[in-house]
C-alpha atoms as a PDB file:
ATOM      1  CA  MET A   1      22.050   8.152   6.489  1.00  0.00           C
ATOM      2  CA  GLN A   2      19.989  11.192   7.486  1.00  0.00           C
ATOM      3  CA  VAL A   3      16.440  11.344   6.116  1.00  0.00           C
ATOM      4  CA  THR A   4      14.383  14.363   7.124  1.00  0.00           C
ATOM      5  CA  ALA A   5      10.702  14.250   8.031  1.00  0.00           C
ATOM      6  CA  LEU A   6       9.954  16.279   4.903  1.00  0.00           C
ATOM      7  CA  GLU A   7      11.722  13.702   2.706  1.00  0.00           C
ATOM      8  CA  TRP A   8       9.675  10.934   4.332  1.00  0.00           C
ATOM      9  CA  VAL A   9       6.445  12.847   3.691  1.00  0.00           C
ATOM     10  CA  ILE A  10       7.324  13.634   0.066  1.00  0.00           C
ATOM     11  CA  THR A  11       8.284  10.000  -0.571  1.00  0.00           C
ATOM     12  CA  GLY A  12       5.029   8.769   0.970  1.00  0.00           C
ATOM     13  CA  LEU A  13       2.956  11.210  -1.087  1.00  0.00           C
ATOM     14  CA  VAL A  14       4.708  10.253  -4.334  1.00  0.00           C
ATOM     15  CA  ILE A  15       4.136   6.536  -3.679  1.00  0.00           C
ATOM     16  CA  LEU A  16       0.512   7.175  -2.729  1.00  0.00           C
ATOM     17  CA  GLY A  17       0.092   9.277  -5.884  1.00  0.00           C
ATOM     18  CA  LEU A  18       1.417   6.439  -8.048  1.00  0.00           C
ATOM     19  CA  PHE A  19      -1.093   3.997  -6.559  1.00  0.00           C
ATOM     20  CA  VAL A  20      -3.949   6.490  -7.012  1.00  0.00           C
ATOM     21  CA  PHE A  21      -2.875   7.035 -10.641  1.00  0.00           C
ATOM     22  CA  ASP A  22      -2.753   3.271 -11.150  1.00  0.00           C
ATOM     23  CA  PHE A  23      -6.315   2.910  -9.867  1.00  0.00           C
ATOM     24  CA  PHE A  24      -7.898   5.677 -11.929  1.00  0.00           C
ATOM     25  CA  ALA A  25      -5.864   5.001 -15.086  1.00  0.00           C
ATOM     26  CA  HIS A  26      -6.107   1.206 -15.203  1.00  0.00           C
ATOM     27  CA  VAL A  27      -8.223  -0.413 -12.504  1.00  0.00           C
ATOM     28  CA  ARG A  28     -11.326   1.747 -12.156  1.00  0.00           C
ATOM     29  CA  THR A  29     -12.770   0.467 -15.441  1.00  0.00           C
ATOM     30  CA  PRO A  30     -12.788  -3.366 -15.247  1.00  0.00           C
ATOM     31  CA  HIS A  31     -10.825  -4.976 -18.082  1.00  0.00           C
ATOM     32  CA  GLU A  32      -8.189  -7.602 -18.711  1.00  0.00           C
ATOM     33  CA  PRO A  33      -4.862  -5.894 -19.547  1.00  0.00           C
ATOM     34  CA  THR A  34      -3.245  -6.775 -22.851  1.00  0.00           C
ATOM     35  CA  PHE A  35       0.280  -8.138 -23.027  1.00  0.00           C
ATOM     36  CA  LYS A  36       1.465  -4.825 -24.501  1.00  0.00           C
ATOM     37  CA  GLU A  37      -0.152  -2.763 -21.713  1.00  0.00           C
ATOM     38  CA  SER A  38       1.252  -5.017 -18.976  1.00  0.00           C
ATOM     39  CA  GLY A  39       4.725  -5.026 -20.508  1.00  0.00           C
ATOM     40  CA  PHE A  40       4.838  -1.249 -20.935  1.00  0.00           C
ATOM     41  CA  TRP A  41       3.769  -0.406 -17.373  1.00  0.00           C
ATOM     42  CA  SER A  42       5.950  -3.139 -15.849  1.00  0.00           C
ATOM     43  CA  ALA A  43       8.910  -1.529 -17.599  1.00  0.00           C
ATOM     44  CA  VAL A  44       7.833   1.932 -16.404  1.00  0.00           C
ATOM     45  CA  TYR A  45       7.683   0.894 -12.735  1.00  0.00           C
ATOM     46  CA  ILE A  46      10.965  -1.023 -12.885  1.00  0.00           C
ATOM     47  CA  GLY A  47      12.518   2.039 -14.548  1.00  0.00           C
ATOM     48  CA  LEU A  48      11.232   4.264 -11.726  1.00  0.00           C
ATOM     49  CA  ALA A  49      12.721   1.875  -9.171  1.00  0.00           C
ATOM     50  CA  LEU A  50      16.123   1.967 -10.883  1.00  0.00           C
ATOM     51  CA  LEU A  51      16.005   5.767 -11.195  1.00  0.00           C
ATOM     52  CA  PHE A  52      15.235   6.056  -7.487  1.00  0.00           C
ATOM     53  CA  GLY A  53      18.385   4.054  -6.796  1.00  0.00           C
ATOM     54  CA  GLY A  54      20.283   6.667  -8.801  1.00  0.00           C
ATOM     55  CA  PHE A  55      18.712   9.367  -6.638  1.00  0.00           C
ATOM     56  CA  VAL A  56      19.834   7.516  -3.496  1.00  0.00           C
ATOM     57  CA  ALA A  57      23.381   7.348  -4.897  1.00  0.00           C
ATOM     58  CA  TRP A  58      23.361  11.102  -5.639  1.00  0.00           C
ATOM     59  CA  LYS A  59      21.844  12.070  -2.287  1.00  0.00           C
ATOM     60  CA  TRP A  60      23.432   9.625   0.166  1.00  0.00           C
ATOM     61  CA  GLY A  61      26.207   7.823  -1.699  1.00  0.00           C
ATOM     62  CA  GLY A  62      26.922   4.597  -3.562  1.00  0.00           C
ATOM     63  CA  THR A  63      26.973   2.387  -0.464  1.00  0.00           C
ATOM     64  CA  PHE A  64      23.359   3.143   0.388  1.00  0.00           C
ATOM     65  CA  ALA A  65      22.382   2.853  -3.284  1.00  0.00           C
ATOM     66  CA  GLY A  66      23.900  -0.641  -3.320  1.00  0.00           C
ATOM     67  CA  GLU A  67      21.887  -1.569  -0.229  1.00  0.00           C
ATOM     68  CA  TYR A  68      18.724  -0.247  -1.871  1.00  0.00           C
ATOM     69  CA  TYR A  69      19.308  -2.198  -5.084  1.00  0.00           C
ATOM     70  CA  ALA A  70      20.074  -5.409  -3.143  1.00  0.00           C
ATOM     71  CA  GLY A  71      16.870  -4.932  -1.153  1.00  0.00           C
ATOM     72  CA  PHE A  72      14.817  -4.131  -4.256  1.00  0.00           C
ATOM     73  CA  VAL A  73      16.035  -7.195  -6.176  1.00  0.00           C
ATOM     74  CA  THR A  74      15.344  -9.458  -3.171  1.00  0.00           C
ATOM     75  CA  GLU A  75      11.875  -8.028  -2.578  1.00  0.00           C
ATOM     76  CA  LYS A  76      11.041  -8.206  -6.295  1.00  0.00           C
ATOM     77  CA  ALA A  77      12.053 -11.863  -6.376  1.00  0.00           C
ATOM     78  CA  LEU A  78       9.927 -12.620  -3.322  1.00  0.00           C
ATOM     79  CA  SER A  79       7.052 -10.687  -4.927  1.00  0.00           C
ATOM     80  CA  VAL A  80       7.220 -12.875  -8.051  1.00  0.00           C
ATOM     81  CA  ASP A  81       6.841 -15.917  -5.802  1.00  0.00           C
ATOM     82  CA  ASN A  82       3.880 -14.155  -4.166  1.00  0.00           C
ATOM     83  CA  LEU A  83       2.275 -13.869  -7.608  1.00  0.00           C
ATOM     84  CA  PHE A  84       2.070 -17.646  -7.754  1.00  0.00           C
ATOM     85  CA  ILE A  85       0.064 -17.641  -4.519  1.00  0.00           C
ATOM     86  CA  PHE A  86      -2.151 -14.847  -5.884  1.00  0.00           C
ATOM     87  CA  LEU A  87      -2.762 -16.981  -8.988  1.00  0.00           C
ATOM     88  CA  ILE A  88      -3.852 -19.908  -6.793  1.00  0.00           C
ATOM     89  CA  ILE A  89      -6.205 -17.618  -4.826  1.00  0.00           C
ATOM     90  CA  MET A  90      -7.718 -16.179  -8.029  1.00  0.00           C
ATOM     91  CA  THR A  91      -8.289 -19.717  -9.333  1.00  0.00           C
ATOM     92  CA  THR A  92      -9.682 -21.006  -6.035  1.00  0.00           C
ATOM     93  CA  PHE A  93     -12.244 -18.197  -5.833  1.00  0.00           C
ATOM     94  CA  ALA A  94     -12.842 -18.175  -9.614  1.00  0.00           C
ATOM     95  CA  VAL A  95     -12.325 -14.408  -9.797  1.00  0.00           C
ATOM     96  CA  PRO A  96     -13.263 -13.214 -13.339  1.00  0.00           C
ATOM     97  CA  ARG A  97     -10.212 -11.950 -15.238  1.00  0.00           C
ATOM     98  CA  ILE A  98     -11.667  -8.464 -15.736  1.00  0.00           C
ATOM     99  CA  TYR A  99     -11.986  -8.006 -11.952  1.00  0.00           C
ATOM    100  CA  GLN A 100      -8.629  -9.470 -10.964  1.00  0.00           C
ATOM    101  CA  GLN A 101      -6.889  -6.099 -11.320  1.00  0.00           C
ATOM    102  CA  LYS A 102      -8.998  -4.603  -8.533  1.00  0.00           C
ATOM    103  CA  VAL A 103      -8.317  -7.521  -6.187  1.00  0.00           C
ATOM    104  CA  LEU A 104      -4.596  -7.320  -6.919  1.00  0.00           C
ATOM    105  CA  LEU A 105      -4.310  -3.556  -6.444  1.00  0.00           C
ATOM    106  CA  ILE A 106      -6.176  -3.586  -3.124  1.00  0.00           C
ATOM    107  CA  GLY A 107      -4.104  -6.579  -2.045  1.00  0.00           C
ATOM    108  CA  ILE A 108      -0.867  -4.794  -2.953  1.00  0.00           C
ATOM    109  CA  VAL A 109      -1.887  -1.676  -0.995  1.00  0.00           C
ATOM    110  CA  LEU A 110      -2.709  -3.898   1.999  1.00  0.00           C
ATOM    111  CA  ALA A 111       0.701  -5.538   1.636  1.00  0.00           C
ATOM    112  CA  LEU A 112       2.476  -2.173   1.684  1.00  0.00           C
ATOM    113  CA  VAL A 113       0.536  -1.043   4.773  1.00  0.00           C
ATOM    114  CA  MET A 114       1.373  -4.268   6.608  1.00  0.00           C
ATOM    115  CA  ARG A 115       5.021  -4.044   5.629  1.00  0.00           C
ATOM    116  CA  ALA A 116       5.188  -0.418   6.786  1.00  0.00           C
ATOM    117  CA  VAL A 117       4.037  -1.569  10.232  1.00  0.00           C
ATOM    118  CA  PHE A 118       6.587  -4.384  10.311  1.00  0.00           C
ATOM    119  CA  ILE A 119       9.321  -2.010   9.106  1.00  0.00           C
ATOM    120  CA  ALA A 120       8.600   0.398  11.978  1.00  0.00           C
ATOM    121  CA  VAL A 121       8.534  -2.438  14.528  1.00  0.00           C
ATOM    122  CA  GLY A 122      11.731  -3.934  13.091  1.00  0.00           C
ATOM    123  CA  ALA A 123      13.552  -0.583  13.151  1.00  0.00           C
ATOM    124  CA  ALA A 124      12.561   0.001  16.789  1.00  0.00           C
ATOM    125  CA  ALA A 125      13.654  -3.508  17.775  1.00  0.00           C
ATOM    126  CA  ILE A 126      17.012  -3.220  16.010  1.00  0.00           C
ATOM    127  CA  SER A 127      17.652   0.182  17.567  1.00  0.00           C
ATOM    128  CA  ALA A 128      16.952  -1.132  21.059  1.00  0.00           C
ATOM    129  CA  PHE A 129      18.353  -4.682  20.873  1.00  0.00           C
ATOM    130  CA  SER A 130      21.248  -5.690  18.625  1.00  0.00           C
ATOM    131  CA  TRP A 131      20.553  -9.365  19.389  1.00  0.00           C
ATOM    132  CA  VAL A 132      17.369  -9.120  17.271  1.00  0.00           C
ATOM    133  CA  PHE A 133      19.602  -9.968  14.303  1.00  0.00           C
ATOM    134  CA  TYR A 134      20.033 -13.457  15.787  1.00  0.00           C
ATOM    135  CA  LEU A 135      16.253 -13.900  15.744  1.00  0.00           C
ATOM    136  CA  PHE A 136      15.911 -12.518  12.205  1.00  0.00           C
ATOM    137  CA  GLY A 137      18.704 -14.779  10.951  1.00  0.00           C
ATOM    138  CA  ALA A 138      17.300 -17.895  12.614  1.00  0.00           C
ATOM    139  CA  PHE A 139      13.806 -17.124  11.313  1.00  0.00           C
ATOM    140  CA  LEU A 140      15.039 -16.729   7.730  1.00  0.00           C
ATOM    141  CA  ILE A 141      16.961 -20.005   7.871  1.00  0.00           C
ATOM    142  CA  TYR A 142      13.830 -21.711   9.263  1.00  0.00           C
ATOM    143  CA  THR A 143      11.740 -20.115   6.486  1.00  0.00           C
ATOM    144  CA  ALA A 144      14.215 -21.352   3.852  1.00  0.00           C
ATOM    145  CA  VAL A 145      13.932 -24.924   5.165  1.00  0.00           C
ATOM    146  CA  LYS A 146      10.125 -24.641   5.269  1.00  0.00           C
ATOM    147  CA  LEU A 147      10.087 -23.318   1.694  1.00  0.00           C
ATOM    148  CA  LEU A 148      12.139 -26.307   0.551  1.00  0.00           C
ATOM    149  CA  ARG A 149       9.800 -28.739   2.284  1.00  0.00           C
ATOM    150  CA  GLU A 150       6.707 -27.171   0.717  1.00  0.00           C
ATOM    151  CA  SER A 151       8.248 -26.868  -2.744  1.00  0.00           C
ATOM    152  CA  GLY A 152       6.015 -28.596  -5.285  1.00  0.00           C
ATOM    153  CA  HIS A 153       3.046 -28.601  -2.895  1.00  0.00           C
ATOM    154  CA  GLU A 154       2.251 -24.864  -2.880  1.00  0.00           C
ATOM    155  CA  VAL A 155      -1.182 -25.365  -4.423  1.00  0.00           C
ATOM    156  CA  GLU A 156      -2.313 -27.818  -1.749  1.00  0.00           C
ATOM    157  CA  HIS A 157      -1.021 -25.657   1.132  1.00  0.00           C
ATOM    158  CA  GLU A 158      -2.633 -22.482  -0.223  1.00  0.00           C
ATOM    159  CA  GLN A 159      -5.956 -24.160  -0.965  1.00  0.00           C
ATOM    160  CA  GLN A 160      -6.070 -25.535   2.587  1.00  0.00           C
ATOM    161  CA  ARG A 161      -5.413 -22.027   3.935  1.00  0.00           C
ATOM    162  CA  ASP A 162      -8.082 -20.514   1.694  1.00  0.00           C
ATOM    163  CA  SER A 163     -10.684 -23.100   2.709  1.00  0.00           C
ATOM    164  CA  ARG A 164     -10.055 -22.313   6.392  1.00  0.00           C
ATOM    165  CA  ILE A 165     -10.482 -18.583   5.704  1.00  0.00           C
ATOM    166  CA  VAL A 166     -13.755 -19.243   3.868  1.00  0.00           C
ATOM    167  CA  ARG A 167     -15.105 -21.438   6.688  1.00  0.00           C
ATOM    168  CA  ILE A 168     -14.276 -18.833   9.333  1.00  0.00           C
ATOM    169  CA  ALA A 169     -15.671 -15.953   7.255  1.00  0.00           C
ATOM    170  CA  LYS A 170     -18.925 -17.784   6.548  1.00  0.00           C
ATOM    171  CA  ARG A 171     -19.449 -18.401  10.249  1.00  0.00           C
ATOM    172  CA  ILE A 172     -19.174 -14.679  10.964  1.00  0.00           C
ATOM    173  CA  LEU A 173     -20.526 -12.984   7.831  1.00  0.00           C
ATOM    174  CA  PRO A 174     -23.538 -13.544   5.542  1.00  0.00           C
ATOM    175  CA  THR A 175     -22.097 -14.554   2.171  1.00  0.00           C
ATOM    176  CA  THR A 176     -23.105 -15.339  -1.392  1.00  0.00           C
ATOM    177  CA  ASP A 177     -21.332 -17.645  -3.836  1.00  0.00           C
ATOM    178  CA  GLU A 178     -22.190 -15.451  -6.825  1.00  0.00           C
ATOM    179  CA  TYR A 179     -20.240 -12.452  -8.146  1.00  0.00           C
ATOM    180  CA  HIS A 180     -22.081  -9.143  -8.463  1.00  0.00           C
ATOM    181  CA  GLY A 181     -19.747  -7.233 -10.751  1.00  0.00           C
ATOM    182  CA  ASP A 182     -16.709  -6.044  -8.812  1.00  0.00           C
ATOM    183  CA  LYS A 183     -18.696  -5.334  -5.647  1.00  0.00           C
ATOM    184  CA  LEU A 184     -17.257  -6.503  -2.340  1.00  0.00           C
ATOM    185  CA  ILE A 185     -20.628  -6.261  -0.556  1.00  0.00           C
ATOM    186  CA  THR A 186     -24.060  -6.384  -2.194  1.00  0.00           C
ATOM    187  CA  LYS A 187     -27.734  -6.663  -1.268  1.00  0.00           C
ATOM    188  CA  ILE A 188     -29.826  -9.781  -1.837  1.00  0.00           C
ATOM    189  CA  ASP A 189     -33.489  -9.650  -0.789  1.00  0.00           C
ATOM    190  CA  GLY A 190     -32.735  -6.460   1.147  1.00  0.00           C
ATOM    191  CA  LYS A 191     -29.933  -8.129   3.120  1.00  0.00           C
ATOM    192  CA  ARG A 192     -26.274  -7.121   2.853  1.00  0.00           C
ATOM    193  CA  VAL A 193     -24.017 -10.053   1.975  1.00  0.00           C
ATOM    194  CA  VAL A 194     -20.324 -10.534   1.287  1.00  0.00           C
ATOM    195  CA  THR A 195     -19.365 -11.514  -2.271  1.00  0.00           C
ATOM    196  CA  PRO A 196     -16.574 -13.905  -3.318  1.00  0.00           C
ATOM    197  CA  MET A 197     -14.561 -10.779  -4.276  1.00  0.00           C
ATOM    198  CA  LEU A 198     -14.229  -9.855  -0.613  1.00  0.00           C
ATOM    199  CA  MET A 199     -13.434 -13.462   0.299  1.00  0.00           C
ATOM    200  CA  ALA A 200     -10.598 -13.444  -2.236  1.00  0.00           C
ATOM    201  CA  LEU A 201      -9.350 -10.171  -0.743  1.00  0.00           C
ATOM    202  CA  LEU A 202      -9.377 -11.702   2.743  1.00  0.00           C
ATOM    203  CA  ALA A 203      -7.282 -14.603   1.456  1.00  0.00           C
ATOM    204  CA  ILE A 204      -4.830 -12.243  -0.248  1.00  0.00           C
ATOM    205  CA  GLY A 205      -4.665 -10.064   2.874  1.00  0.00           C
ATOM    206  CA  PHE A 206      -3.764 -13.084   5.008  1.00  0.00           C
ATOM    207  CA  ALA A 207      -1.172 -14.153   2.436  1.00  0.00           C
ATOM    208  CA  ASP A 208       0.262 -10.603   2.508  1.00  0.00           C
ATOM    209  CA  LEU A 209       0.665 -10.881   6.276  1.00  0.00           C
ATOM    210  CA  LEU A 210       2.679 -14.093   5.888  1.00  0.00           C
ATOM    211  CA  PHE A 211       4.756 -12.538   3.088  1.00  0.00           C
ATOM    212  CA  ALA A 212       5.598  -9.546   5.297  1.00  0.00           C
ATOM    213  CA  LEU A 213       6.900 -11.873   8.014  1.00  0.00           C
ATOM    214  CA  ASP A 214       9.424 -13.246   5.512  1.00  0.00           C
ATOM    215  CA  SER A 215      10.327 -10.169   3.505  1.00  0.00           C
ATOM    216  CA  ILE A 216      11.043  -7.634   6.252  1.00  0.00           C
ATOM    217  CA  PRO A 217      13.672  -9.695   8.130  1.00  0.00           C
ATOM    218  CA  ALA A 218      15.203 -10.528   4.738  1.00  0.00           C
ATOM    219  CA  ILE A 219      15.692  -6.912   3.686  1.00  0.00           C
ATOM    220  CA  TYR A 220      16.936  -5.894   7.142  1.00  0.00           C
ATOM    221  CA  GLY A 221      19.713  -8.371   6.449  1.00  0.00           C
ATOM    222  CA  LEU A 222      20.783  -6.150   3.548  1.00  0.00           C
ATOM    223  CA  THR A 223      20.265  -2.674   5.029  1.00  0.00           C
ATOM    224  CA  GLU A 224      19.464  -1.286   8.457  1.00  0.00           C
ATOM    225  CA  GLU A 225      18.033   1.942   7.040  1.00  0.00           C
ATOM    226  CA  PRO A 226      14.218   2.025   7.466  1.00  0.00           C
ATOM    227  CA  TYR A 227      13.896   4.509   4.577  1.00  0.00           C
ATOM    228  CA  LEU A 228      15.637   2.110   2.177  1.00  0.00           C
ATOM    229  CA  VAL A 229      13.643  -0.834   3.526  1.00  0.00           C
ATOM    230  CA  PHE A 230      10.369   0.999   2.932  1.00  0.00           C
ATOM    231  CA  THR A 231      11.194   2.359  -0.532  1.00  0.00           C
ATOM    232  CA  ALA A 232      12.634  -0.958  -1.743  1.00  0.00           C
ATOM    233  CA  ASN A 233       9.410  -2.673  -0.645  1.00  0.00           C
ATOM    234  CA  ALA A 234       7.215   0.024  -2.189  1.00  0.00           C
ATOM    235  CA  PHE A 235       8.956  -0.073  -5.567  1.00  0.00           C
ATOM    236  CA  ALA A 236       9.006  -3.890  -5.551  1.00  0.00           C
ATOM    237  CA  LEU A 237       5.226  -3.934  -5.012  1.00  0.00           C
ATOM    238  CA  MET A 238       4.541  -1.233  -7.603  1.00  0.00           C
ATOM    239  CA  GLY A 239       3.995  -2.797 -10.989  1.00  0.00           C
ATOM    240  CA  LEU A 240       3.287  -6.175  -9.391  1.00  0.00           C
ATOM    241  CA  ARG A 241      -0.258  -6.084 -10.775  1.00  0.00           C
ATOM    242  CA  GLN A 242       1.028  -5.599 -14.318  1.00  0.00           C
ATOM    243  CA  LEU A 243       3.666  -8.280 -13.787  1.00  0.00           C
ATOM    244  CA  TYR A 244       0.919 -10.717 -12.776  1.00  0.00           C
ATOM    245  CA  PHE A 245      -0.716 -10.415 -16.205  1.00  0.00           C
ATOM    246  CA  LEU A 246       2.616 -10.216 -18.021  1.00  0.00           C
ATOM    247  CA  ILE A 247       4.159 -13.444 -16.731  1.00  0.00           C
ATOM    248  CA  GLY A 248       1.017 -15.248 -15.539  1.00  0.00           C
ATOM    249  CA  GLY A 249       1.550 -18.020 -18.076  1.00  0.00           C
ATOM    250  CA  LEU A 250       5.248 -18.216 -17.222  1.00  0.00           C
ATOM    251  CA  LEU A 251       4.746 -18.796 -13.476  1.00  0.00           C
ATOM    252  CA  ASP A 252       4.067 -22.512 -13.964  1.00  0.00           C
ATOM    253  CA  ARG A 253       7.436 -22.839 -15.708  1.00  0.00           C
ATOM    254  CA  LEU A 254       9.461 -21.335 -12.854  1.00  0.00           C
ATOM    255  CA  VAL A 255       9.651 -24.711 -11.138  1.00  0.00           C
ATOM    256  CA  TYR A 256      12.954 -23.977  -9.382  1.00  0.00           C
ATOM    257  CA  LEU A 257      12.098 -20.459  -8.200  1.00  0.00           C
ATOM    258  CA  SER A 258      11.168 -21.636  -4.697  1.00  0.00           C
ATOM    259  CA  TYR A 259      14.544 -23.396  -4.410  1.00  0.00           C
ATOM    260  CA  GLY A 260      16.288 -20.202  -5.473  1.00  0.00           C
ATOM    261  CA  LEU A 261      14.330 -18.122  -2.961  1.00  0.00           C
ATOM    262  CA  ALA A 262      15.099 -20.649  -0.224  1.00  0.00           C
ATOM    263  CA  ALA A 263      18.814 -20.306  -1.041  1.00  0.00           C
ATOM    264  CA  ILE A 264      18.553 -16.491  -0.946  1.00  0.00           C
ATOM    265  CA  LEU A 265      16.726 -16.491   2.403  1.00  0.00           C
ATOM    266  CA  ALA A 266      19.240 -18.949   3.866  1.00  0.00           C
ATOM    267  CA  PHE A 267      22.128 -16.820   2.591  1.00  0.00           C
ATOM    268  CA  ILE A 268      20.667 -13.636   4.121  1.00  0.00           C
ATOM    269  CA  GLY A 269      19.932 -15.572   7.326  1.00  0.00           C
ATOM    270  CA  VAL A 270      23.593 -16.562   7.607  1.00  0.00           C
ATOM    271  CA  LYS A 271      24.594 -12.965   6.821  1.00  0.00           C
ATOM    272  CA  LEU A 272      22.385 -11.751   9.688  1.00  0.00           C
ATOM    273  CA  VAL A 273      23.812 -14.256  12.141  1.00  0.00           C
ATOM    274  CA  LEU A 274      27.368 -13.230  11.192  1.00  0.00           C
ATOM    275  CA  HIS A 275      26.417  -9.578  11.651  1.00  0.00           C
ATOM    276  CA  ALA A 276      24.845 -10.380  15.029  1.00  0.00           C
ATOM    277  CA  LEU A 277      28.051 -12.143  16.124  1.00  0.00           C
ATOM    278  CA  HIS A 278      30.116  -9.171  14.974  1.00  0.00           C
ATOM    279  CA  GLU A 279      27.915  -6.811  17.040  1.00  0.00           C
ATOM    280  CA  ASN A 280      27.366  -9.326  19.853  1.00  0.00           C
ATOM    281  CA  THR A 281      26.354  -8.090  23.328  1.00  0.00           C
ATOM    282  CA  LEU A 282      24.851 -11.314  24.701  1.00  0.00           C
ATOM    283  CA  PRO A 283      26.779 -12.326  27.835  1.00  0.00           C
ATOM    284  CA  PHE A 284      26.602 -16.087  27.152  1.00  0.00           C
ATOM    285  CA  ILE A 285      28.317 -15.675  23.750  1.00  0.00           C
ATOM    286  CA  ASN A 286      32.030 -14.876  23.924  1.00  0.00           C
ATOM    287  CA  GLY A 287      31.498 -13.238  27.318  1.00  0.00           C
ATOM    288  CA  GLY A 288      29.382 -10.486  25.790  1.00  0.00           C
ATOM    289  CA  GLU A 289      32.229  -9.358  23.529  1.00  0.00           C
ATOM    290  CA  HIS A 290      32.124  -8.955  19.771  1.00  0.00           C
ATOM    291  CA  VAL A 291      33.044 -12.114  17.847  1.00  0.00           C
ATOM    292  CA  SER A 292      35.634 -11.754  15.119  1.00  0.00           C
ATOM    293  CA  VAL A 293      33.808 -13.177  12.098  1.00  0.00           C
ATOM    294  CA  PRO A 294      33.843 -12.144   8.441  1.00  0.00           C
ATOM    295  CA  GLU A 295      31.028  -9.823   7.362  1.00  0.00           C
ATOM    296  CA  ILE A 296      29.442 -10.146   3.950  1.00  0.00           C
ATOM    297  CA  SER A 297      29.557  -6.960   1.879  1.00  0.00           C
ATOM    298  CA  THR A 298      26.572  -5.457   0.060  1.00  0.00           C
ATOM    299  CA  VAL A 299      28.244  -5.884  -3.344  1.00  0.00           C
ATOM    300  CA  PHE A 300      28.861  -9.576  -2.675  1.00  0.00           C
ATOM    301  CA  SER A 301      25.284  -9.988  -1.389  1.00  0.00           C
ATOM    302  CA  LEU A 302      23.824  -8.374  -4.517  1.00  0.00           C
ATOM    303  CA  SER A 303      26.006 -10.587  -6.738  1.00  0.00           C
ATOM    304  CA  VAL A 304      24.936 -13.757  -4.926  1.00  0.00           C
ATOM    305  CA  ILE A 305      21.230 -12.822  -5.025  1.00  0.00           C
ATOM    306  CA  ILE A 306      21.266 -11.990  -8.755  1.00  0.00           C
ATOM    307  CA  GLY A 307      23.355 -15.105  -9.475  1.00  0.00           C
ATOM    308  CA  ILE A 308      20.939 -17.412  -7.655  1.00  0.00           C
ATOM    309  CA  LEU A 309      17.933 -15.875  -9.413  1.00  0.00           C
ATOM    310  CA  LEU A 310      19.565 -16.253 -12.831  1.00  0.00           C
ATOM    311  CA  VAL A 311      20.475 -19.890 -12.200  1.00  0.00           C
ATOM    312  CA  ALA A 312      16.998 -20.719 -10.851  1.00  0.00           C
ATOM    313  CA  THR A 313      15.260 -18.996 -13.783  1.00  0.00           C
ATOM    314  CA  VAL A 314      17.441 -20.492 -16.528  1.00  0.00           C
ATOM    315  CA  ALA A 315      17.305 -23.965 -14.958  1.00  0.00           C
ATOM    316  CA  SER A 316      13.505 -23.720 -14.690  1.00  0.00           C
ATOM    317  CA  LEU A 317      13.065 -22.679 -18.319  1.00  0.00           C
ATOM    318  CA  LEU A 318      15.402 -25.437 -19.524  1.00  0.00           C
ATOM    319  CA  ARG A 319      13.644 -28.011 -17.339  1.00  0.00           C
ATOM    320  CA  THR A 320      10.170 -27.114 -18.680  1.00  0.00           C
ATOM    321  CA  ARG A 321      11.194 -26.432 -22.288  1.00  0.00           C
ATOM    322  CA  LYS A 322      10.350 -29.937 -23.501  1.00  0.00           C
ATOM    323  CA  THR A 323       6.920 -29.953 -21.859  1.00  0.00           C
ATOM    324  CA  THR A 324       5.903 -26.686 -23.571  1.00  0.00           C
ATOM    325  CA  VAL A 325       7.108 -27.544 -27.066  1.00  0.00           C
END
């Protein structure tokens, strides 16, 4: 897959333009989005993501389009799980609903920047060392096990993390416990202090860093093309703010989502290990020769990922149906 520098620049500018539009059209004036507004713009951004996949198919072929769609679906699913953490952070810091859009948008931009760095590092590592796939695969399997262990205790783990961030920040920075509109920094008695808005952003930024550590190895298990990795991440993050307000009340009902994500990460981890064995160059494995193992196709991967998400979602809604009636 050949992507020119001009195509990279145009893609970056379009994505940047969409975020700028989002800020000036929806976030600049503080308000709580309605269900209709959130639903409409969520559909718009998902539609753009699907259309971009069609462009990839036209420009580079169906194989790369399949890799993009598999990556997009995986990253979108991981992003929905991230929304639950964002909800905990918003609750912990008591961020007023009308200001939550600003926190989310800045957090999403931070997430994309962090992921871009990890994407570049991952691409360089893969290009130089094929055995990196062993590390990625092992890390994803470890993450899947960790996700299973923490399932049902996400609130406690996130609140502990947030309290540590607050303690560290308060040691370094002068802070106030009161909100001053949507300001990140304000003046009290002539002294500049940090508001809870900035504290919430710090917590979301740290969470974004942890999310990037999981998501980038996962998508590299579905495609080795940095351009597809970046665009799948960008389109998965776009519309995440609207999705937060659209399904905020539904997040508590997705009780099996973490189990589904753990299964997806474990599946991709195994896929990476198989790929690493197929491309093996390590001398202590099969004498440095390639190992004849089956490789998992993109179509099969996409089917498994969508299947797991459907089962986890339906099972969650059935499990919580009685408690919401």
